[in-house]
Amino acid sequence: MKHIKLTVTLASLSLLSGCLIDDAVPRFSVSGSISGLTGTVVLQTGDSVKTFTTNGTKTLSTPIPSGTAYAVTVKTQPTGQV
């Protein structure tokens, strides 16, 4: 059985863009790195559901306000991978 590796990180959009969005609350995008993927994986964070078929760095959600809880779940696991 092949394994998929998912690493999730936060990136500050306010630092990347040099400004704050609308309400002056820093916002962060949830992004991660996928490696070893040979099929399709579907990830969910909040209301955002994304399908990935390639390895690499991926953005998983729209920006979330600083201090907001989030969770990334595997909605659909790739066939034959864990």
N, C-alpha and C. Protein backbone atom coordinates (compact mmCIF):
# COMPACT_ATOMS: atom_id res chain seq x y z
N MET A 1 0.83 -1.17 0.00
CA MET A 1 0.00 0.00 0.00
C MET A 1 0.88 1.24 0.00
N LYS A 2 0.63 2.18 -0.90
CA LYS A 2 1.41 3.41 -0.99
C LYS A 2 0.87 4.45 -0.02
N HIS A 3 1.76 5.32 0.44
CA HIS A 3 1.37 6.36 1.38
C HIS A 3 1.38 7.72 0.71
N ILE A 4 0.48 8.57 1.16
CA ILE A 4 0.44 9.96 0.73
C ILE A 4 0.87 10.82 1.91
N LYS A 5 1.63 11.83 1.67
CA LYS A 5 2.08 12.73 2.73
C LYS A 5 1.46 14.10 2.50
N LEU A 6 0.79 14.62 3.52
CA LEU A 6 0.18 15.94 3.46
C LEU A 6 0.71 16.76 4.61
N THR A 7 1.32 17.88 4.30
CA THR A 7 1.81 18.80 5.31
C THR A 7 1.02 20.09 5.19
N VAL A 8 0.39 20.53 6.28
CA VAL A 8 -0.43 21.74 6.25
C VAL A 8 0.28 22.86 6.98
N THR A 9 0.29 24.04 6.35
CA THR A 9 0.91 25.22 6.94
C THR A 9 -0.02 26.41 6.80
N LEU A 10 0.27 27.46 7.55
CA LEU A 10 -0.47 28.72 7.42
C LEU A 10 0.45 29.74 6.80
N ALA A 11 -0.10 30.55 5.91
CA ALA A 11 0.66 31.65 5.33
C ALA A 11 -0.14 32.92 5.51
N SER A 12 0.47 33.93 6.03
CA SER A 12 -0.22 35.18 6.27
C SER A 12 -0.40 35.95 4.98
N LEU A 13 -1.64 36.16 4.59
CA LEU A 13 -1.90 36.95 3.40
C LEU A 13 -1.58 38.41 3.63
N SER A 14 -1.76 38.88 4.85
CA SER A 14 -1.47 40.28 5.11
C SER A 14 0.02 40.55 4.95
N LEU A 15 0.87 39.60 5.31
CA LEU A 15 2.31 39.78 5.13
C LEU A 15 2.69 39.66 3.66
N LEU A 16 2.04 38.75 2.94
CA LEU A 16 2.37 38.57 1.54
C LEU A 16 1.92 39.74 0.69
N SER A 17 0.78 40.31 1.01
CA SER A 17 0.25 41.39 0.20
C SER A 17 0.68 42.77 0.70
N GLY A 18 1.15 42.84 1.94
CA GLY A 18 1.58 44.11 2.50
C GLY A 18 0.44 44.95 3.03
N CYS A 19 -0.76 44.40 3.09
CA CYS A 19 -1.89 45.16 3.64
C CYS A 19 -2.88 44.20 4.28
N LEU A 20 -3.82 44.77 5.00
CA LEU A 20 -4.85 43.97 5.65
C LEU A 20 -6.11 43.99 4.79
N ILE A 21 -6.94 42.99 4.96
CA ILE A 21 -8.17 42.89 4.18
C ILE A 21 -9.31 43.54 4.95
N ASP A 22 -10.10 44.35 4.30
CA ASP A 22 -11.30 45.04 4.76
C ASP A 22 -11.33 45.42 6.24
N ASP A 23 -11.56 44.48 7.15
CA ASP A 23 -11.83 44.79 8.54
C ASP A 23 -10.57 44.91 9.39
N ALA A 24 -9.40 45.02 8.79
CA ALA A 24 -8.12 45.20 9.48
C ALA A 24 -7.74 44.03 10.38
N VAL A 25 -8.35 42.86 10.17
CA VAL A 25 -7.98 41.66 10.91
C VAL A 25 -7.07 40.83 10.00
N PRO A 26 -5.88 40.48 10.47
CA PRO A 26 -5.02 39.65 9.62
C PRO A 26 -5.73 38.35 9.23
N ARG A 27 -5.55 37.94 8.01
CA ARG A 27 -6.16 36.71 7.51
C ARG A 27 -5.06 35.78 7.01
N PHE A 28 -5.34 34.49 7.08
CA PHE A 28 -4.36 33.49 6.70
C PHE A 28 -4.99 32.50 5.73
N SER A 29 -4.21 32.06 4.78
CA SER A 29 -4.68 30.98 3.91
C SER A 29 -4.12 29.68 4.46
N VAL A 30 -4.88 28.62 4.33
CA VAL A 30 -4.42 27.30 4.73
C VAL A 30 -3.87 26.64 3.48
N SER A 31 -2.59 26.31 3.51
CA SER A 31 -1.98 25.67 2.35
C SER A 31 -1.15 24.49 2.82
N GLY A 32 -0.79 23.67 1.90
CA GLY A 32 -0.02 22.49 2.28
C GLY A 32 0.71 21.90 1.10
N SER A 33 1.49 20.91 1.41
CA SER A 33 2.29 20.22 0.40
C SER A 33 1.83 18.77 0.31
N ILE A 34 1.58 18.31 -0.88
CA ILE A 34 1.17 16.93 -1.11
C ILE A 34 2.30 16.22 -1.87
N SER A 35 2.68 15.04 -1.39
CA SER A 35 3.68 14.25 -2.10
C SER A 35 3.29 12.78 -2.08
N GLY A 36 3.67 12.05 -3.09
CA GLY A 36 3.38 10.62 -3.17
C GLY A 36 1.99 10.31 -3.70
N LEU A 37 1.28 11.31 -4.18
CA LEU A 37 -0.08 11.10 -4.66
C LEU A 37 -0.05 10.48 -6.05
N THR A 38 -0.79 9.37 -6.23
CA THR A 38 -0.89 8.75 -7.54
C THR A 38 -2.32 8.69 -8.04
N GLY A 39 -3.26 9.19 -7.26
CA GLY A 39 -4.66 9.19 -7.65
C GLY A 39 -5.28 10.54 -7.39
N THR A 40 -6.45 10.53 -6.78
CA THR A 40 -7.18 11.75 -6.47
C THR A 40 -7.48 11.77 -4.98
N VAL A 41 -7.23 12.92 -4.34
CA VAL A 41 -7.57 13.10 -2.93
C VAL A 41 -8.46 14.33 -2.84
N VAL A 42 -9.49 14.25 -1.99
CA VAL A 42 -10.38 15.38 -1.76
C VAL A 42 -10.21 15.82 -0.32
N LEU A 43 -9.83 17.09 -0.13
CA LEU A 43 -9.61 17.64 1.21
C LEU A 43 -10.67 18.70 1.49
N GLN A 44 -11.03 18.81 2.78
CA GLN A 44 -12.03 19.79 3.19
C GLN A 44 -11.53 20.56 4.39
N THR A 45 -11.70 21.88 4.34
CA THR A 45 -11.47 22.74 5.49
C THR A 45 -12.63 23.73 5.53
N GLY A 46 -13.43 23.65 6.57
CA GLY A 46 -14.63 24.48 6.65
C GLY A 46 -15.57 24.13 5.51
N ASP A 47 -16.03 25.16 4.79
CA ASP A 47 -16.94 24.95 3.66
C ASP A 47 -16.20 24.71 2.36
N SER A 48 -14.87 24.83 2.40
CA SER A 48 -14.07 24.68 1.19
C SER A 48 -13.71 23.22 0.95
N VAL A 49 -14.09 22.70 -0.20
CA VAL A 49 -13.76 21.33 -0.60
C VAL A 49 -12.94 21.41 -1.87
N LYS A 50 -11.74 20.81 -1.84
CA LYS A 50 -10.85 20.87 -3.00
C LYS A 50 -10.41 19.47 -3.40
N THR A 51 -10.36 19.23 -4.71
CA THR A 51 -9.90 17.97 -5.27
C THR A 51 -8.51 18.17 -5.85
N PHE A 52 -7.59 17.28 -5.51
CA PHE A 52 -6.22 17.36 -6.00
C PHE A 52 -5.84 16.07 -6.70
N THR A 53 -5.13 16.19 -7.80
CA THR A 53 -4.68 15.03 -8.56
C THR A 53 -3.18 15.06 -8.81
N THR A 54 -2.49 16.08 -8.32
CA THR A 54 -1.06 16.21 -8.53
C THR A 54 -0.35 16.54 -7.22
N ASN A 55 0.93 16.25 -7.16
CA ASN A 55 1.76 16.61 -6.02
C ASN A 55 2.12 18.08 -6.09
N GLY A 56 2.53 18.64 -4.97
CA GLY A 56 2.98 20.03 -4.95
C GLY A 56 2.32 20.82 -3.84
N THR A 57 2.57 22.12 -3.84
CA THR A 57 1.99 23.02 -2.84
C THR A 57 0.60 23.43 -3.30
N LYS A 58 -0.35 23.34 -2.39
CA LYS A 58 -1.75 23.62 -2.71
C LYS A 58 -2.34 24.57 -1.67
N THR A 59 -3.26 25.43 -2.09
CA THR A 59 -4.01 26.27 -1.16
C THR A 59 -5.35 25.59 -0.92
N LEU A 60 -5.70 25.43 0.36
CA LEU A 60 -6.88 24.64 0.71
C LEU A 60 -8.13 25.45 0.99
N SER A 61 -7.99 26.74 1.27
CA SER A 61 -9.19 27.50 1.63
C SER A 61 -9.06 28.95 1.26
N THR A 62 -10.19 29.63 1.35
CA THR A 62 -10.17 31.08 1.26
C THR A 62 -9.56 31.59 2.56
N PRO A 63 -9.02 32.80 2.58
CA PRO A 63 -8.38 33.32 3.79
C PRO A 63 -9.32 33.30 5.00
N ILE A 64 -8.77 32.92 6.17
CA ILE A 64 -9.55 32.90 7.40
C ILE A 64 -8.97 33.93 8.37
N PRO A 65 -9.83 34.58 9.18
CA PRO A 65 -9.35 35.58 10.12
C PRO A 65 -8.42 34.98 11.17
N SER A 66 -7.45 35.77 11.59
CA SER A 66 -6.52 35.36 12.64
C SER A 66 -7.29 34.92 13.88
N GLY A 67 -6.88 33.82 14.49
CA GLY A 67 -7.52 33.31 15.71
C GLY A 67 -8.68 32.38 15.45
N THR A 68 -9.07 32.19 14.19
CA THR A 68 -10.18 31.31 13.86
C THR A 68 -9.70 29.86 13.83
N ALA A 69 -10.45 28.97 14.45
CA ALA A 69 -10.11 27.55 14.43
C ALA A 69 -10.37 26.98 13.04
N TYR A 70 -9.56 26.01 12.65
CA TYR A 70 -9.77 25.34 11.38
C TYR A 70 -9.34 23.88 11.50
N ALA A 71 -9.85 23.07 10.63
CA ALA A 71 -9.46 21.66 10.58
C ALA A 71 -9.41 21.24 9.12
N VAL A 72 -8.43 20.44 8.78
CA VAL A 72 -8.33 19.88 7.43
C VAL A 72 -8.64 18.40 7.54
N THR A 73 -9.60 17.94 6.76
CA THR A 73 -9.96 16.53 6.78
C THR A 73 -9.85 15.95 5.38
N VAL A 74 -9.59 14.65 5.33
CA VAL A 74 -9.58 13.94 4.05
C VAL A 74 -11.00 13.48 3.82
N LYS A 75 -11.66 14.10 2.85
CA LYS A 75 -13.05 13.75 2.53
C LYS A 75 -13.09 12.48 1.70
N THR A 76 -12.18 12.36 0.72
CA THR A 76 -12.08 11.16 -0.10
C THR A 76 -10.61 10.78 -0.22
N GLN A 77 -10.28 9.60 0.27
CA GLN A 77 -8.91 9.11 0.25
C GLN A 77 -8.59 8.53 -1.12
N PRO A 78 -7.35 8.72 -1.60
CA PRO A 78 -6.98 8.11 -2.88
C PRO A 78 -7.05 6.58 -2.80
N THR A 79 -7.53 5.95 -3.84
CA THR A 79 -7.63 4.50 -3.89
C THR A 79 -6.25 3.88 -3.76
N GLY A 80 -6.11 2.96 -2.82
CA GLY A 80 -4.87 2.22 -2.63
C GLY A 80 -3.79 2.98 -1.87
N GLN A 81 -4.12 4.16 -1.33
CA GLN A 81 -3.15 4.94 -0.56
C GLN A 81 -3.71 5.27 0.81
N VAL A 82 -2.83 5.42 1.79
CA VAL A 82 -3.25 5.81 3.14
C VAL A 82 -2.45 7.00 3.58
